[in-house]
Amino acid sequence: MTKISKQLSGIAGEYFVAAEISRRGYLAAITLRNSDGIDILVSNPNGDKSISIQVKTTQNKRKWVLTQKVENETSDKKFFIFVNIPLDKNLAPEYLIIKSTDLASKIYSGHRSWLNSPGKKGQKRNNTNIRQFDPQYFNKDELLDWTQLIDIIEKL
């Protein structure tokens, strides 16, 4: 079983997320490729409740590379959905859903903690623009399931 290209993987992740949202009775509009920071616009059928989603996709691993920009997310109506596509095409993708504000806060504090800890040889770490989402560092109440995401939309 071989990996597909990063570009196809990213597209597949967006369509998997859009399909899951549509399955639940909501409209999911995938944005054009040059829409910075928003991959999917979600609305209830009446159009009076909406959120935006940023999708990040990997293949067969549970870590996603981000940039420092994620630390500045402030919208209560934006969510990140991390998709892990297994190499075995018979298995379903894994979805990890988190509010953008929760992600921003945790990534910010986690990066500061990493910077203040010594490197492998005891050296001071260099600051970079690279960040990483690794679900093992998040509490279960910070990661949402599809039902919780839909409940949040309904309460808007």
C-alpha atoms as a PDB file:
ATOM      1  CA  MET A   1       0.000   0.000   0.000  1.00  0.00           C
ATOM      2  CA  THR A   2       1.525   3.229  -1.131  1.00  0.00           C
ATOM      3  CA  LYS A   3       1.050   6.833  -0.146  1.00  0.00           C
ATOM      4  CA  ILE A   4      -0.628   9.301  -2.456  1.00  0.00           C
ATOM      5  CA  SER A   5       0.898  12.725  -3.136  1.00  0.00           C
ATOM      6  CA  LYS A   6       0.614  15.447  -0.470  1.00  0.00           C
ATOM      7  CA  GLN A   7      -1.615  17.457  -2.782  1.00  0.00           C
ATOM      8  CA  LEU A   8      -4.045  14.565  -3.345  1.00  0.00           C
ATOM      9  CA  SER A   9      -3.946  13.705   0.341  1.00  0.00           C
ATOM     10  CA  GLY A  10      -4.916  17.278   1.251  1.00  0.00           C
ATOM     11  CA  ILE A  11      -7.752  17.307  -1.266  1.00  0.00           C
ATOM     12  CA  ALA A  12      -8.987  13.923  -0.056  1.00  0.00           C
ATOM     13  CA  GLY A  13      -8.953  15.162   3.554  1.00  0.00           C
ATOM     14  CA  GLU A  14     -11.121  18.151   2.650  1.00  0.00           C
ATOM     15  CA  TYR A  15     -13.607  15.969   0.776  1.00  0.00           C
ATOM     16  CA  PHE A  16     -13.741  13.417   3.612  1.00  0.00           C
ATOM     17  CA  VAL A  17     -14.567  16.236   6.066  1.00  0.00           C
ATOM     18  CA  ALA A  18     -17.134  17.770   3.705  1.00  0.00           C
ATOM     19  CA  ALA A  19     -18.767  14.353   3.298  1.00  0.00           C
ATOM     20  CA  GLU A  20     -19.007  13.832   7.063  1.00  0.00           C
ATOM     21  CA  ILE A  21     -20.620  17.254   7.499  1.00  0.00           C
ATOM     22  CA  SER A  22     -23.045  16.614   4.635  1.00  0.00           C
ATOM     23  CA  ARG A  23     -23.962  13.228   6.140  1.00  0.00           C
ATOM     24  CA  ARG A  24     -25.126  15.128   9.191  1.00  0.00           C
ATOM     25  CA  GLY A  25     -27.468  17.382   7.212  1.00  0.00           C
ATOM     26  CA  TYR A  26     -25.306  20.483   6.890  1.00  0.00           C
ATOM     27  CA  LEU A  27     -24.031  22.367   3.860  1.00  0.00           C
ATOM     28  CA  ALA A  28     -20.277  22.081   3.322  1.00  0.00           C
ATOM     29  CA  ALA A  29     -18.734  24.336   0.690  1.00  0.00           C
ATOM     30  CA  ILE A  30     -15.085  23.671  -0.100  1.00  0.00           C
ATOM     31  CA  THR A  31     -13.337  26.971  -0.782  1.00  0.00           C
ATOM     32  CA  LEU A  32     -11.029  27.719  -3.677  1.00  0.00           C
ATOM     33  CA  ARG A  33      -7.379  26.718  -3.279  1.00  0.00           C
ATOM     34  CA  ASN A  34      -6.237  30.292  -2.662  1.00  0.00           C
ATOM     35  CA  SER A  35      -8.512  30.845   0.362  1.00  0.00           C
ATOM     36  CA  ASP A  36      -5.972  31.338   3.125  1.00  0.00           C
ATOM     37  CA  GLY A  37      -6.914  29.709   6.412  1.00  0.00           C
ATOM     38  CA  ILE A  38     -10.380  28.427   5.519  1.00  0.00           C
ATOM     39  CA  ASP A  39     -10.918  25.204   3.597  1.00  0.00           C
ATOM     40  CA  ILE A  40     -14.621  24.578   4.211  1.00  0.00           C
ATOM     41  CA  LEU A  41     -17.536  26.885   4.992  1.00  0.00           C
ATOM     42  CA  VAL A  42     -20.288  25.078   6.905  1.00  0.00           C
ATOM     43  CA  SER A  43     -23.890  26.214   7.267  1.00  0.00           C
ATOM     44  CA  ASN A  44     -27.151  24.799   8.488  1.00  0.00           C
ATOM     45  CA  PRO A  45     -29.768  24.468   5.692  1.00  0.00           C
ATOM     46  CA  ASN A  46     -31.446  27.751   6.739  1.00  0.00           C
ATOM     47  CA  GLY A  47     -28.162  29.619   6.366  1.00  0.00           C
ATOM     48  CA  ASP A  48     -28.462  31.345   9.739  1.00  0.00           C
ATOM     49  CA  LYS A  49     -25.752  29.364  11.547  1.00  0.00           C
ATOM     50  CA  SER A  50     -22.273  28.920  10.107  1.00  0.00           C
ATOM     51  CA  ILE A  51     -18.673  28.057  10.954  1.00  0.00           C
ATOM     52  CA  SER A  52     -15.404  27.766   9.072  1.00  0.00           C
ATOM     53  CA  ILE A  53     -13.017  24.831   9.038  1.00  0.00           C
ATOM     54  CA  GLN A  54      -9.313  24.456   8.324  1.00  0.00           C
ATOM     55  CA  VAL A  55      -8.409  20.888   7.349  1.00  0.00           C
ATOM     56  CA  LYS A  56      -4.943  19.387   7.864  1.00  0.00           C
ATOM     57  CA  THR A  57      -4.263  15.920   6.474  1.00  0.00           C
ATOM     58  CA  THR A  58      -1.561  13.310   6.996  1.00  0.00           C
ATOM     59  CA  GLN A  59      -1.193   9.737   5.834  1.00  0.00           C
ATOM     60  CA  ASN A  60      -0.685   6.996   8.360  1.00  0.00           C
ATOM     61  CA  LYS A  61       0.690   9.219  11.148  1.00  0.00           C
ATOM     62  CA  ARG A  62      -0.804  11.195  14.013  1.00  0.00           C
ATOM     63  CA  LYS A  63       1.271  14.386  13.879  1.00  0.00           C
ATOM     64  CA  TRP A  64       0.534  17.443  11.757  1.00  0.00           C
ATOM     65  CA  VAL A  65       2.938  20.270  10.926  1.00  0.00           C
ATOM     66  CA  LEU A  66       1.624  23.800  11.471  1.00  0.00           C
ATOM     67  CA  THR A  67       3.110  27.280  11.414  1.00  0.00           C
ATOM     68  CA  GLN A  68       3.319  29.985  14.044  1.00  0.00           C
ATOM     69  CA  LYS A  69       0.290  31.628  12.403  1.00  0.00           C
ATOM     70  CA  VAL A  70      -1.988  29.117  14.188  1.00  0.00           C
ATOM     71  CA  GLU A  71      -1.163  30.813  17.519  1.00  0.00           C
ATOM     72  CA  ASN A  72      -3.119  33.899  16.397  1.00  0.00           C
ATOM     73  CA  GLU A  73      -6.475  32.164  15.834  1.00  0.00           C
ATOM     74  CA  THR A  74      -9.178  34.108  17.706  1.00  0.00           C
ATOM     75  CA  SER A  75     -12.505  33.105  16.120  1.00  0.00           C
ATOM     76  CA  ASP A  76     -14.978  31.091  18.173  1.00  0.00           C
ATOM     77  CA  LYS A  77     -16.561  30.043  14.880  1.00  0.00           C
ATOM     78  CA  LYS A  78     -13.466  28.438  13.358  1.00  0.00           C
ATOM     79  CA  PHE A  79     -12.402  24.845  13.851  1.00  0.00           C
ATOM     80  CA  PHE A  80      -9.460  22.726  12.791  1.00  0.00           C
ATOM     81  CA  ILE A  81     -10.064  19.165  11.684  1.00  0.00           C
ATOM     82  CA  PHE A  82      -6.998  16.959  11.517  1.00  0.00           C
ATOM     83  CA  VAL A  83      -7.429  13.983   9.205  1.00  0.00           C
ATOM     84  CA  ASN A  84      -5.258  10.873   9.295  1.00  0.00           C
ATOM     85  CA  ILE A  85      -5.750   8.774   6.149  1.00  0.00           C
ATOM     86  CA  PRO A  86      -4.615   5.175   6.701  1.00  0.00           C
ATOM     87  CA  LEU A  87      -2.518   3.518   4.016  1.00  0.00           C
ATOM     88  CA  ASP A  88      -4.995   0.631   3.997  1.00  0.00           C
ATOM     89  CA  LYS A  89      -7.713   1.963   1.672  1.00  0.00           C
ATOM     90  CA  ASN A  90     -10.291  -0.300   3.395  1.00  0.00           C
ATOM     91  CA  LEU A  91      -9.968   1.610   6.668  1.00  0.00           C
ATOM     92  CA  ALA A  92     -11.813   4.841   7.425  1.00  0.00           C
ATOM     93  CA  PRO A  93      -9.920   8.085   8.074  1.00  0.00           C
ATOM     94  CA  GLU A  94      -9.425   9.299  11.638  1.00  0.00           C
ATOM     95  CA  TYR A  95     -10.715  12.781  12.497  1.00  0.00           C
ATOM     96  CA  LEU A  96      -9.546  15.011  15.343  1.00  0.00           C
ATOM     97  CA  ILE A  97     -11.638  18.160  15.776  1.00  0.00           C
ATOM     98  CA  ILE A  98     -10.647  21.170  17.875  1.00  0.00           C
ATOM     99  CA  LYS A  99     -11.777  24.767  18.298  1.00  0.00           C
ATOM    100  CA  SER A 100      -9.248  27.126  16.732  1.00  0.00           C
ATOM    101  CA  THR A 101      -8.977  29.146  19.956  1.00  0.00           C
ATOM    102  CA  ASP A 102      -8.191  26.012  21.996  1.00  0.00           C
ATOM    103  CA  LEU A 103      -5.610  24.941  19.418  1.00  0.00           C
ATOM    104  CA  ALA A 104      -4.004  28.403  19.391  1.00  0.00           C
ATOM    105  CA  SER A 105      -3.715  28.530  23.164  1.00  0.00           C
ATOM    106  CA  LYS A 106      -2.296  25.029  23.512  1.00  0.00           C
ATOM    107  CA  ILE A 107       0.162  25.408  20.624  1.00  0.00           C
ATOM    108  CA  TYR A 108       1.336  28.774  22.005  1.00  0.00           C
ATOM    109  CA  SER A 109       1.951  27.459  25.527  1.00  0.00           C
ATOM    110  CA  GLY A 110       3.395  24.155  24.280  1.00  0.00           C
ATOM    111  CA  HIS A 111       5.896  25.918  22.035  1.00  0.00           C
ATOM    112  CA  ARG A 112       6.979  28.269  24.852  1.00  0.00           C
ATOM    113  CA  SER A 113       7.482  25.276  27.128  1.00  0.00           C
ATOM    114  CA  TRP A 114       9.536  23.503  24.440  1.00  0.00           C
ATOM    115  CA  LEU A 115      11.672  26.644  23.921  1.00  0.00           C
ATOM    116  CA  ASN A 116      12.399  26.879  27.655  1.00  0.00           C
ATOM    117  CA  SER A 117      13.469  23.246  27.941  1.00  0.00           C
ATOM    118  CA  PRO A 118      17.024  22.231  27.051  1.00  0.00           C
ATOM    119  CA  GLY A 119      17.783  20.449  23.767  1.00  0.00           C
ATOM    120  CA  LYS A 120      19.174  16.893  23.576  1.00  0.00           C
ATOM    121  CA  LYS A 121      22.685  18.081  24.428  1.00  0.00           C
ATOM    122  CA  GLY A 122      21.524  20.615  27.013  1.00  0.00           C
ATOM    123  CA  GLN A 123      21.704  23.544  24.587  1.00  0.00           C
ATOM    124  CA  LYS A 124      19.230  26.428  24.331  1.00  0.00           C
ATOM    125  CA  ARG A 125      16.618  25.748  21.639  1.00  0.00           C
ATOM    126  CA  ASN A 126      16.278  28.017  18.602  1.00  0.00           C
ATOM    127  CA  ASN A 127      12.881  29.537  17.914  1.00  0.00           C
ATOM    128  CA  THR A 128      11.346  28.617  14.561  1.00  0.00           C
ATOM    129  CA  ASN A 129       8.092  29.225  12.699  1.00  0.00           C
ATOM    130  CA  ILE A 130       7.276  25.484  12.810  1.00  0.00           C
ATOM    131  CA  ARG A 131       4.629  24.154  15.178  1.00  0.00           C
ATOM    132  CA  GLN A 132       3.140  20.686  15.512  1.00  0.00           C
ATOM    133  CA  PHE A 133      -0.238  19.271  16.461  1.00  0.00           C
ATOM    134  CA  ASP A 134       0.186  15.989  18.316  1.00  0.00           C
ATOM    135  CA  PRO A 135      -3.058  14.771  19.937  1.00  0.00           C
ATOM    136  CA  GLN A 136      -1.211  13.074  22.792  1.00  0.00           C
ATOM    137  CA  TYR A 137      -0.634  16.533  24.315  1.00  0.00           C
ATOM    138  CA  PHE A 138      -4.333  17.454  24.302  1.00  0.00           C
ATOM    139  CA  ASN A 139      -6.978  16.596  26.876  1.00  0.00           C
ATOM    140  CA  LYS A 140      -9.971  14.555  25.756  1.00  0.00           C
ATOM    141  CA  ASP A 141     -12.308  17.498  26.472  1.00  0.00           C
ATOM    142  CA  GLU A 142     -10.322  19.680  24.037  1.00  0.00           C
ATOM    143  CA  LEU A 143     -10.857  17.241  21.162  1.00  0.00           C
ATOM    144  CA  LEU A 144     -14.401  17.127  19.822  1.00  0.00           C
ATOM    145  CA  ASP A 145     -16.362  14.469  18.001  1.00  0.00           C
ATOM    146  CA  TRP A 146     -18.806  15.095  15.153  1.00  0.00           C
ATOM    147  CA  THR A 147     -21.829  15.236  17.485  1.00  0.00           C
ATOM    148  CA  GLN A 148     -20.175  17.889  19.645  1.00  0.00           C
ATOM    149  CA  LEU A 149     -19.273  19.950  16.563  1.00  0.00           C
ATOM    150  CA  ILE A 150     -22.883  19.825  15.310  1.00  0.00           C
ATOM    151  CA  ASP A 151     -24.146  20.780  18.801  1.00  0.00           C
ATOM    152  CA  ILE A 152     -21.871  23.824  18.757  1.00  0.00           C
ATOM    153  CA  ILE A 153     -23.279  24.911  15.377  1.00  0.00           C
ATOM    154  CA  GLU A 154     -26.844  24.439  16.620  1.00  0.00           C
ATOM    155  CA  LYS A 155     -26.179  26.640  19.666  1.00  0.00           C
ATOM    156  CA  LEU A 156     -24.892  29.588  17.604  1.00  0.00           C
END
